[in-house]
Protein backbone atom coordinates (compact mmCIF):
# COMPACT_ATOMS: atom_id res chain seq x y z
CA UNK A 1 12.44 -113.82 -135.50
CA UNK A 2 10.20 -115.61 -137.97
CA UNK A 3 7.11 -114.68 -135.95
CA UNK A 4 8.20 -111.03 -135.84
CA UNK A 5 8.63 -110.90 -139.63
CA UNK A 6 5.26 -112.59 -140.21
CA UNK A 7 3.48 -110.07 -137.99
CA UNK A 8 5.39 -107.20 -139.63
CA UNK A 9 4.40 -108.47 -143.09
CA UNK A 10 0.76 -108.75 -142.06
CA UNK A 11 0.69 -105.22 -140.65
CA UNK A 12 2.51 -103.80 -143.66
CA UNK A 13 0.30 -105.42 -146.31
CA UNK A 14 -2.90 -104.67 -144.40
CA UNK A 15 -2.14 -100.94 -144.33
CA UNK A 16 -0.54 -100.55 -147.76
CA UNK A 17 -3.46 -102.26 -149.45
CA UNK A 18 -5.95 -100.10 -147.58
CA UNK A 19 -7.75 -97.17 -149.18
CA UNK A 20 -6.50 -94.75 -146.51
CA UNK A 21 -2.87 -95.29 -147.53
CA UNK A 22 -3.57 -94.55 -151.20
CA UNK A 23 -5.70 -91.50 -150.43
CA UNK A 24 -3.27 -89.93 -147.95
CA UNK A 25 -0.27 -90.61 -150.18
CA UNK A 26 -1.85 -88.61 -153.00
CA UNK A 27 -3.87 -85.98 -151.16
CA UNK A 28 -1.51 -84.94 -148.36
CA UNK A 29 1.19 -83.43 -150.67
CA UNK A 30 -1.51 -81.81 -152.81
CA UNK A 31 -3.30 -80.30 -149.81
CA UNK A 32 -0.03 -79.13 -148.30
CA UNK A 33 1.06 -77.48 -151.58
CA UNK A 34 -2.32 -75.76 -151.90
CA UNK A 35 -2.17 -74.49 -148.30
CA UNK A 36 1.37 -73.13 -148.79
CA UNK A 37 0.39 -71.54 -152.11
CA UNK A 38 -2.71 -69.90 -150.64
CA UNK A 39 -0.70 -68.61 -147.66
CA UNK A 40 1.96 -67.08 -149.90
CA UNK A 41 -0.55 -65.47 -152.24
CA UNK A 42 -2.74 -64.27 -149.37
CA UNK A 43 0.25 -62.65 -147.72
CA UNK A 44 1.43 -61.07 -150.96
CA UNK A 45 -1.93 -59.65 -152.04
CA UNK A 46 -3.34 -58.96 -148.58
CA UNK A 47 -4.77 -55.46 -148.42
CA UNK A 48 -4.57 -54.92 -152.19
CA UNK A 49 -7.14 -53.02 -154.24
CA UNK A 50 -8.09 -50.70 -151.37
CA UNK A 51 -9.54 -47.21 -151.87
CA UNK A 52 -7.80 -44.87 -149.43
CA UNK A 53 -7.75 -41.14 -148.75
CA UNK A 54 -4.74 -39.15 -147.56
CA UNK A 55 -5.64 -35.96 -145.69
CA UNK A 56 -2.87 -33.59 -144.59
CA UNK A 57 -2.28 -29.95 -143.77
CA UNK A 58 0.76 -30.08 -146.10
CA UNK A 59 -0.08 -30.54 -149.79
CA UNK A 60 3.49 -31.50 -150.81
CA UNK A 61 3.70 -34.21 -148.15
CA UNK A 62 0.29 -35.60 -149.14
CA UNK A 63 1.24 -35.77 -152.84
CA UNK A 64 4.60 -37.39 -152.07
CA UNK A 65 2.84 -39.96 -149.93
CA UNK A 66 0.33 -40.67 -152.68
CA UNK A 67 3.17 -41.29 -155.18
CA UNK A 68 4.88 -43.62 -152.69
CA UNK A 69 1.70 -45.66 -152.30
CA UNK A 70 1.07 -45.86 -156.05
CA UNK A 71 4.56 -47.24 -156.73
CA UNK A 72 3.51 -50.48 -155.03
CA UNK A 73 2.01 -52.27 -158.05
CA UNK A 74 1.06 -55.35 -156.04
CA UNK A 75 -1.05 -53.27 -153.64
CA UNK A 76 -2.99 -51.69 -156.55
CA UNK A 77 -4.28 -48.88 -154.34
CA UNK A 78 -6.64 -46.06 -155.29
CA UNK A 79 -5.50 -42.99 -153.33
CA UNK A 80 -7.36 -39.66 -153.00
CA UNK A 81 -5.64 -36.55 -151.62
CA UNK A 82 -7.29 -33.92 -149.44
CA UNK A 83 -4.91 -31.04 -148.68
CA UNK A 84 -4.78 -28.76 -146.94
CA UNK A 85 -7.34 -30.59 -144.77
CA UNK A 86 -9.52 -28.91 -142.16
CA UNK A 87 -11.07 -30.44 -139.07
CA UNK A 88 -14.44 -30.58 -140.81
CA UNK A 89 -12.94 -32.84 -143.50
CA UNK A 90 -12.18 -35.50 -140.92
CA UNK A 91 -15.83 -36.13 -140.09
CA UNK A 92 -16.62 -36.27 -143.82
CA UNK A 93 -13.98 -38.98 -144.23
CA UNK A 94 -15.41 -40.88 -141.26
CA UNK A 95 -18.84 -40.77 -142.90
CA UNK A 96 -17.38 -42.02 -146.21
CA UNK A 97 -15.75 -44.96 -144.42
CA UNK A 98 -19.03 -45.76 -142.65
CA UNK A 99 -20.92 -45.62 -145.98
CA UNK A 100 -18.24 -47.85 -147.57
CA UNK A 101 -17.29 -45.23 -150.13
CA UNK A 102 -13.65 -45.63 -149.10
CA UNK A 103 -11.84 -48.33 -147.11
CA UNK A 104 -9.98 -45.94 -144.83
CA UNK A 105 -8.14 -42.65 -144.54
CA UNK A 106 -4.76 -41.46 -143.26
CA UNK A 107 -4.82 -38.18 -141.32
CA UNK A 108 -1.47 -36.34 -141.31
CA UNK A 109 -0.59 -33.21 -139.35
CA UNK A 110 2.80 -31.53 -139.61
CA UNK A 111 3.90 -28.57 -137.48
CA UNK A 112 6.30 -25.76 -138.37
CA UNK A 113 9.29 -27.76 -137.09
CA UNK A 114 8.52 -30.65 -139.46
CA UNK A 115 7.24 -32.96 -136.71
CA UNK A 116 4.56 -35.21 -138.20
CA UNK A 117 1.74 -37.15 -136.55
CA UNK A 118 -0.21 -39.80 -138.46
CA UNK A 119 -3.48 -41.59 -137.69
CA UNK A 120 -5.08 -44.27 -139.88
CA UNK A 121 -8.79 -45.03 -139.57
CA UNK A 122 -10.33 -47.88 -141.51
CA UNK A 123 -13.27 -50.27 -141.52
CA UNK A 124 -11.17 -53.24 -140.42
CA UNK A 125 -9.24 -53.33 -137.15
CA UNK A 126 -7.06 -56.22 -138.37
CA UNK A 127 -5.86 -54.81 -141.69
CA UNK A 128 -2.19 -54.97 -140.74
CA UNK A 129 -1.05 -55.19 -144.39
CA UNK A 130 -2.44 -51.74 -145.21
CA UNK A 131 -1.08 -50.33 -141.95
CA UNK A 132 2.38 -51.73 -142.78
CA UNK A 133 2.30 -50.26 -146.29
CA UNK A 134 1.28 -46.88 -144.89
CA UNK A 135 4.08 -46.96 -142.29
CA UNK A 136 6.72 -47.55 -144.96
CA UNK A 137 5.22 -45.00 -147.35
CA UNK A 138 5.01 -42.28 -144.69
CA UNK A 139 8.63 -42.86 -143.64
CA UNK A 140 9.86 -42.63 -147.23
CA UNK A 141 7.71 -39.56 -148.01
CA UNK A 142 8.93 -37.67 -144.92
CA UNK A 143 12.55 -38.62 -145.63
CA UNK A 144 12.21 -37.47 -149.22
CA UNK A 145 10.62 -34.21 -148.04
CA UNK A 146 13.47 -33.54 -145.61
CA UNK A 147 16.10 -34.28 -148.26
CA UNK A 148 14.41 -31.84 -150.63
CA UNK A 149 14.29 -29.15 -147.92
CA UNK A 150 18.05 -29.54 -147.42
CA UNK A 151 18.79 -28.80 -151.07
CA UNK A 152 18.72 -32.24 -152.68
CA UNK A 153 16.81 -32.46 -155.95
CA UNK A 154 13.57 -34.40 -156.09
CA UNK A 155 15.05 -37.04 -158.44
CA UNK A 156 18.06 -37.61 -156.18
CA UNK A 157 15.82 -37.76 -153.10
CA UNK A 158 13.63 -40.36 -154.80
CA UNK A 159 16.73 -42.40 -155.64
CA UNK A 160 18.00 -42.23 -152.05
CA UNK A 161 14.70 -43.45 -150.65
CA UNK A 162 14.30 -46.31 -153.14
CA UNK A 163 14.49 -49.72 -151.54
CA UNK A 164 17.33 -52.16 -152.22
CA UNK A 165 16.78 -55.87 -152.70
CA UNK A 166 19.23 -57.92 -150.66
CA UNK A 167 20.51 -61.21 -152.06
CA UNK A 168 21.21 -63.74 -149.32
CA UNK A 169 24.17 -66.10 -149.23
CA UNK A 170 25.44 -68.54 -146.64
CA UNK A 171 29.00 -69.14 -145.47
CA UNK A 172 29.82 -72.86 -145.38
CA UNK A 173 33.30 -74.07 -144.48
CA UNK A 174 34.77 -70.67 -145.27
CA UNK A 175 33.08 -70.40 -148.68
CA UNK A 176 30.11 -68.28 -149.78
CA UNK A 177 27.32 -70.28 -151.40
CA UNK A 178 24.00 -69.15 -152.85
CA UNK A 179 21.02 -69.57 -150.54
CA UNK A 180 17.44 -68.44 -150.18
CA UNK A 181 16.18 -67.52 -146.74
CA UNK A 182 12.56 -68.03 -147.73
CA UNK A 183 13.29 -71.25 -149.64
CA UNK A 184 15.30 -72.69 -146.75
CA UNK A 185 12.52 -71.84 -144.31
CA UNK A 186 9.84 -73.44 -146.50
CA UNK A 187 11.96 -76.57 -147.06
CA UNK A 188 12.62 -76.92 -143.32
CA UNK A 189 8.95 -76.25 -142.53
CA UNK A 190 7.75 -78.89 -145.00
CA UNK A 191 10.19 -81.56 -143.83
CA UNK A 192 9.49 -80.77 -140.17
CA UNK A 193 5.78 -81.06 -140.89
CA UNK A 194 6.34 -84.41 -142.63
CA UNK A 195 8.31 -85.65 -139.63
CA UNK A 196 5.61 -84.47 -137.24
CA UNK A 197 2.75 -85.80 -139.31
CA UNK A 198 4.23 -89.21 -140.15
CA UNK A 199 5.63 -89.89 -136.68
CA UNK A 200 2.34 -89.01 -134.99
CA UNK A 201 0.10 -90.62 -137.62
CA UNK A 202 1.90 -93.97 -137.70
CA UNK A 203 2.47 -93.90 -133.94
CA UNK A 204 -1.29 -93.54 -133.52
CA UNK A 205 -1.80 -96.32 -136.06
CA UNK A 206 0.17 -98.65 -133.80
CA UNK A 207 -2.05 -97.64 -130.88
CA UNK A 208 -5.24 -98.11 -132.89
CA UNK A 209 -4.07 -101.52 -134.09
CA UNK A 210 -3.51 -102.61 -130.48
CA UNK A 211 -6.97 -101.34 -129.46
CA UNK A 212 -8.72 -103.04 -132.40
CA UNK A 213 -7.10 -106.41 -131.76
CA UNK A 214 -7.62 -106.06 -128.04
CA UNK A 215 -11.34 -105.33 -128.35
CA UNK A 216 -11.80 -108.15 -130.89
CA UNK A 217 -9.82 -110.49 -128.61
CA UNK A 218 -7.63 -111.68 -131.46
CA UNK A 219 -4.76 -111.42 -129.00
CA UNK A 220 -6.00 -114.42 -127.05
CA UNK A 221 -5.51 -116.60 -130.12
CA UNK A 222 -2.24 -115.01 -131.27
CA UNK A 223 -0.65 -115.19 -127.84
CA UNK A 224 -0.97 -118.95 -127.91
CA UNK A 225 1.80 -119.05 -130.53
CA UNK A 226 3.57 -115.67 -130.27
CA UNK A 227 5.15 -113.89 -127.32
CA UNK A 228 3.90 -110.36 -126.53
CA UNK A 229 7.31 -108.77 -127.15
CA UNK A 230 7.50 -110.40 -130.61
CA UNK A 231 4.00 -109.18 -131.42
CA UNK A 232 4.89 -105.62 -130.40
CA UNK A 233 8.14 -105.73 -132.39
CA UNK A 234 6.30 -106.98 -135.47
CA UNK A 235 3.76 -104.18 -135.25
CA UNK A 236 6.47 -101.55 -134.92
CA UNK A 237 8.47 -102.88 -137.87
CA UNK A 238 5.47 -103.40 -140.14
CA UNK A 239 3.79 -100.03 -139.57
CA UNK A 240 7.16 -98.25 -139.58
CA UNK A 241 7.85 -99.78 -143.01
CA UNK A 242 4.53 -98.33 -144.19
CA UNK A 243 5.69 -94.87 -143.12
CA UNK A 244 9.03 -95.27 -144.91
CA UNK A 245 7.20 -96.44 -148.03
CA UNK A 246 5.00 -93.36 -148.04
CA UNK A 247 7.98 -91.05 -147.49
CA UNK A 248 9.89 -92.81 -150.30
CA UNK A 249 6.95 -92.26 -152.68
CA UNK A 250 6.83 -88.56 -151.78
CA UNK A 251 10.61 -88.23 -152.19
CA UNK A 252 10.48 -89.92 -155.61
CA UNK A 253 7.64 -87.65 -156.73
CA UNK A 254 9.55 -84.58 -155.46
CA UNK A 255 12.67 -85.67 -157.38
CA UNK A 256 10.66 -86.00 -160.59
CA UNK A 257 8.99 -82.63 -160.02
CA UNK A 258 12.33 -80.90 -159.33
CA UNK A 259 13.46 -81.74 -162.87
CA UNK A 260 10.35 -80.33 -164.53
CA UNK A 261 9.98 -76.98 -166.29
CA UNK A 262 7.44 -75.82 -163.70
CA UNK A 263 9.92 -76.39 -160.89
CA UNK A 264 12.59 -74.44 -162.80
CA UNK A 265 10.16 -71.53 -163.08
CA UNK A 266 9.23 -71.62 -159.39
CA UNK A 267 12.74 -72.12 -158.02
CA UNK A 268 13.94 -68.56 -158.51
CA UNK A 269 16.46 -66.72 -156.35
CA UNK A 270 13.69 -65.85 -153.89
CA UNK A 271 12.52 -69.45 -153.65
CA UNK A 272 15.47 -71.74 -154.18
CA UNK A 273 15.24 -74.99 -152.23
CA UNK A 274 18.48 -76.88 -151.59
CA UNK A 275 18.43 -80.24 -149.80
CA UNK A 276 21.70 -82.11 -149.36
CA UNK A 277 22.31 -85.86 -149.12
CA UNK A 278 23.27 -85.64 -145.40
CA UNK A 279 19.97 -83.90 -144.70
CA UNK A 280 18.03 -86.69 -146.42
CA UNK A 281 20.00 -89.37 -144.55
CA UNK A 282 19.51 -87.67 -141.18
CA UNK A 283 15.83 -87.14 -142.00
CA UNK A 284 15.44 -90.92 -142.32
CA UNK A 285 17.40 -91.52 -139.10
CA UNK A 286 15.31 -89.09 -137.06
CA UNK A 287 12.11 -90.42 -138.59
CA UNK A 288 12.95 -93.98 -137.56
CA UNK A 289 14.02 -93.02 -134.04
CA UNK A 290 11.08 -90.63 -133.57
CA UNK A 291 8.68 -93.24 -134.86
CA UNK A 292 10.15 -95.91 -132.58
CA UNK A 293 9.88 -93.61 -129.56
CA UNK A 294 6.28 -92.45 -130.07
CA UNK A 295 4.83 -95.64 -131.57
CA UNK A 296 6.13 -97.70 -128.65
CA UNK A 297 4.72 -95.11 -126.27
CA UNK A 298 1.33 -95.24 -128.01
CA UNK A 299 1.38 -99.05 -128.00
CA UNK A 300 1.93 -99.16 -124.25
CA UNK A 301 -0.71 -96.46 -123.75
CA UNK A 302 -3.20 -98.30 -125.94
CA UNK A 303 -2.72 -101.51 -123.95
CA UNK A 304 -4.10 -99.70 -120.89
CA UNK A 305 -7.14 -98.26 -122.73
CA UNK A 306 -10.48 -99.85 -123.45
CA UNK A 307 -11.43 -97.95 -126.64
CA UNK A 308 -10.05 -95.73 -129.40
CA UNK A 309 -11.91 -92.77 -127.88
CA UNK A 310 -10.01 -93.21 -124.64
CA UNK A 311 -6.71 -93.47 -126.54
CA UNK A 312 -7.49 -90.27 -128.45
CA UNK A 313 -8.06 -88.44 -125.16
CA UNK A 314 -4.55 -89.28 -123.98
CA UNK A 315 -2.83 -88.87 -127.35
CA UNK A 316 -2.54 -85.03 -127.21
CA UNK A 317 -0.63 -85.30 -123.93
CA UNK A 318 1.88 -87.69 -125.47
CA UNK A 319 2.24 -85.41 -128.50
CA UNK A 320 3.05 -82.24 -126.51
CA UNK A 321 6.86 -82.46 -127.10
CA UNK A 322 6.36 -82.83 -130.86
CA UNK A 323 4.11 -79.81 -131.14
CA UNK A 324 6.34 -77.83 -128.78
CA UNK A 325 9.38 -78.32 -131.02
CA UNK A 326 7.31 -77.63 -134.13
CA UNK A 327 5.99 -74.39 -132.63
CA UNK A 328 9.59 -73.17 -132.17
CA UNK A 329 10.39 -73.42 -135.87
CA UNK A 330 10.87 -69.66 -136.37
CA UNK A 331 13.09 -69.26 -133.31
CA UNK A 332 15.22 -72.33 -134.11
CA UNK A 333 15.65 -71.35 -137.77
CA UNK A 334 16.71 -67.81 -136.77
CA UNK A 335 18.88 -68.86 -133.80
CA UNK A 336 20.09 -72.41 -134.53
CA UNK A 337 23.02 -72.25 -132.10
CA UNK A 338 21.34 -70.49 -129.18
CA UNK A 339 21.19 -72.19 -125.79
CA UNK A 340 17.47 -72.98 -126.06
CA UNK A 341 17.75 -74.32 -129.61
CA UNK A 342 20.58 -76.65 -128.59
CA UNK A 343 18.79 -77.71 -125.41
CA UNK A 344 15.53 -78.52 -127.19
CA UNK A 345 17.35 -80.39 -129.98
CA UNK A 346 19.12 -82.59 -127.40
CA UNK A 347 15.92 -83.32 -125.44
CA UNK A 348 14.93 -86.76 -126.86
CA UNK A 349 11.14 -86.24 -127.29
CA UNK A 350 11.81 -82.99 -129.19
CA UNK A 351 15.03 -84.03 -130.95
CA UNK A 352 13.53 -85.47 -134.20
CA UNK A 353 11.96 -82.12 -135.11
CA UNK A 354 14.21 -79.57 -133.39
CA UNK A 355 17.54 -81.06 -134.48
CA UNK A 356 16.40 -81.38 -138.06
CA UNK A 357 15.36 -77.72 -138.07
CA UNK A 358 18.87 -76.80 -136.92
CA UNK A 359 20.38 -79.01 -139.62
CA UNK A 360 18.29 -77.27 -142.29
CA UNK A 361 19.25 -73.79 -141.06
CA UNK A 362 22.92 -74.23 -140.15
CA UNK A 363 24.59 -77.62 -139.88
CA UNK A 364 25.39 -78.05 -136.16
CA UNK A 365 28.61 -79.57 -134.79
CA UNK A 366 28.85 -83.31 -135.42
CA UNK A 367 29.13 -84.07 -131.71
CA UNK A 368 25.74 -82.48 -131.06
CA UNK A 369 24.08 -84.61 -133.76
CA UNK A 370 25.79 -87.75 -132.39
CA UNK A 371 24.80 -86.86 -128.83
CA UNK A 372 21.17 -86.26 -129.80
CA UNK A 373 21.04 -89.62 -131.61
CA UNK A 374 22.63 -91.41 -128.65
CA UNK A 375 20.18 -89.82 -126.21
CA UNK A 376 17.30 -90.63 -128.55
CA UNK A 377 18.40 -94.27 -128.88
CA UNK A 378 18.67 -94.51 -125.09
CA UNK A 379 15.17 -93.05 -124.72
CA UNK A 380 13.80 -95.47 -127.31
CA UNK A 381 15.35 -98.39 -125.43
CA UNK A 382 13.85 -97.20 -122.14
CA UNK A 383 10.39 -96.62 -123.63
CA UNK A 384 10.47 -100.05 -125.31
CA UNK A 385 11.43 -101.64 -121.99
CA UNK A 386 8.67 -99.75 -120.19
CA UNK A 387 5.95 -100.16 -122.82
CA UNK A 388 6.67 -103.84 -123.50
CA UNK A 389 5.97 -104.68 -119.86
CA UNK A 390 2.81 -102.59 -119.81
CA UNK A 391 1.83 -104.10 -123.16
CA UNK A 392 2.41 -107.69 -122.01
CA UNK A 393 -0.15 -107.44 -119.22
CA UNK A 394 -2.40 -104.65 -120.46
CA UNK A 395 -3.48 -106.37 -123.67
CA UNK A 396 -5.25 -109.05 -121.65
CA UNK A 397 -7.05 -106.58 -119.37
CA UNK A 398 -10.76 -106.26 -120.16
CA UNK A 399 -13.49 -104.21 -118.55
CA UNK A 400 -11.17 -102.46 -116.12
CA UNK A 401 -9.20 -99.25 -116.52
CA UNK A 402 -5.57 -99.66 -115.49
CA UNK A 403 -4.42 -97.51 -112.58
CA UNK A 404 -0.92 -96.17 -111.97
CA UNK A 405 -0.23 -98.53 -109.01
CA UNK A 406 -1.28 -101.50 -111.14
CA UNK A 407 1.02 -100.46 -113.99
CA UNK A 408 3.91 -100.10 -111.54
CA UNK A 409 3.25 -103.68 -110.38
CA UNK A 410 3.29 -104.85 -114.02
CA UNK A 411 6.82 -103.44 -114.37
CA UNK A 412 8.05 -105.75 -111.61
CA UNK A 413 6.72 -108.88 -113.30
CA UNK A 414 9.43 -111.01 -114.96
């Protein structure tokens, strides 16, 4: 045990004192916050400030549509109206788009029965924000027109077509509590990203450490006094403690920020983040188990490699389950109790990410959490058993790439 603690201390101090630890601890939250902020702002102001033209054979419909588009203050659109429009006007509008005088035009035709056809032509084929705004505006304008035709005043029709902001709440244990769909999603996304990033980063660090010491042949000296299994255990504990230290620093900084005036301004009803104590505790549990699973896997993999480049070639294959569960974030958050969400959250390689996403969205039954932890612990035990035997022989292999038959023979060694 003393040898394990000494190796763990060496690994921990070597990484914590390094420049990379300090830089990543500071820059990663900053970069992540900037990326999230840019994404939110880009989505909100995408397609804003455009100069559009609305051409229709019905003047009233065209004017109603123009008013609908101008009510969107965020879009800040400049809308021209051409009505009643003739076929010759369409080519003129095409020429104006080509000459960049306008960004696009909406061509509306309405027959005597009130059936309307709409075509939007613009410079960009990927301007989905403008297309979405036009879809909503056309629907509201046509609805308002039909209400007016059926005897409803213009003011009443405008009131009927006005959107309603829905306030979201969540039912927990038979009680309604305030919640924010967007805030919950962002919180789950951030914590899932932290799990993915830290588990993979520190798992790879274990692999790189094995490669570095293997290529420098420090192992030959260390193995004269320490058993391979103790060396592997020390590496796992030491580098895992580095990951917990970094997460603790981020959590402490987040707690300080949450009490600031800026956080109070940002955490509105639309962006209210709520993280409970059980979520924090389970986050730590799944981090430790996920780290143990992948770091041990990377250590065994690194023992069979001759260089960091070779390890990096195999690393994406080992990381497939992590990225698979992370790619399902939208589905799991929207359907936390579906068959596929439950199945993925119980599958050990995906459990650290998928189960935590379910916990953030809707706390699953306790037996499912316990079962996922038990399966994950069993998988960790199996991977440690497998990797320790590969590690014991592989770290002394030089100049020869290990084959599958050779690794199977290593497993039979006592």
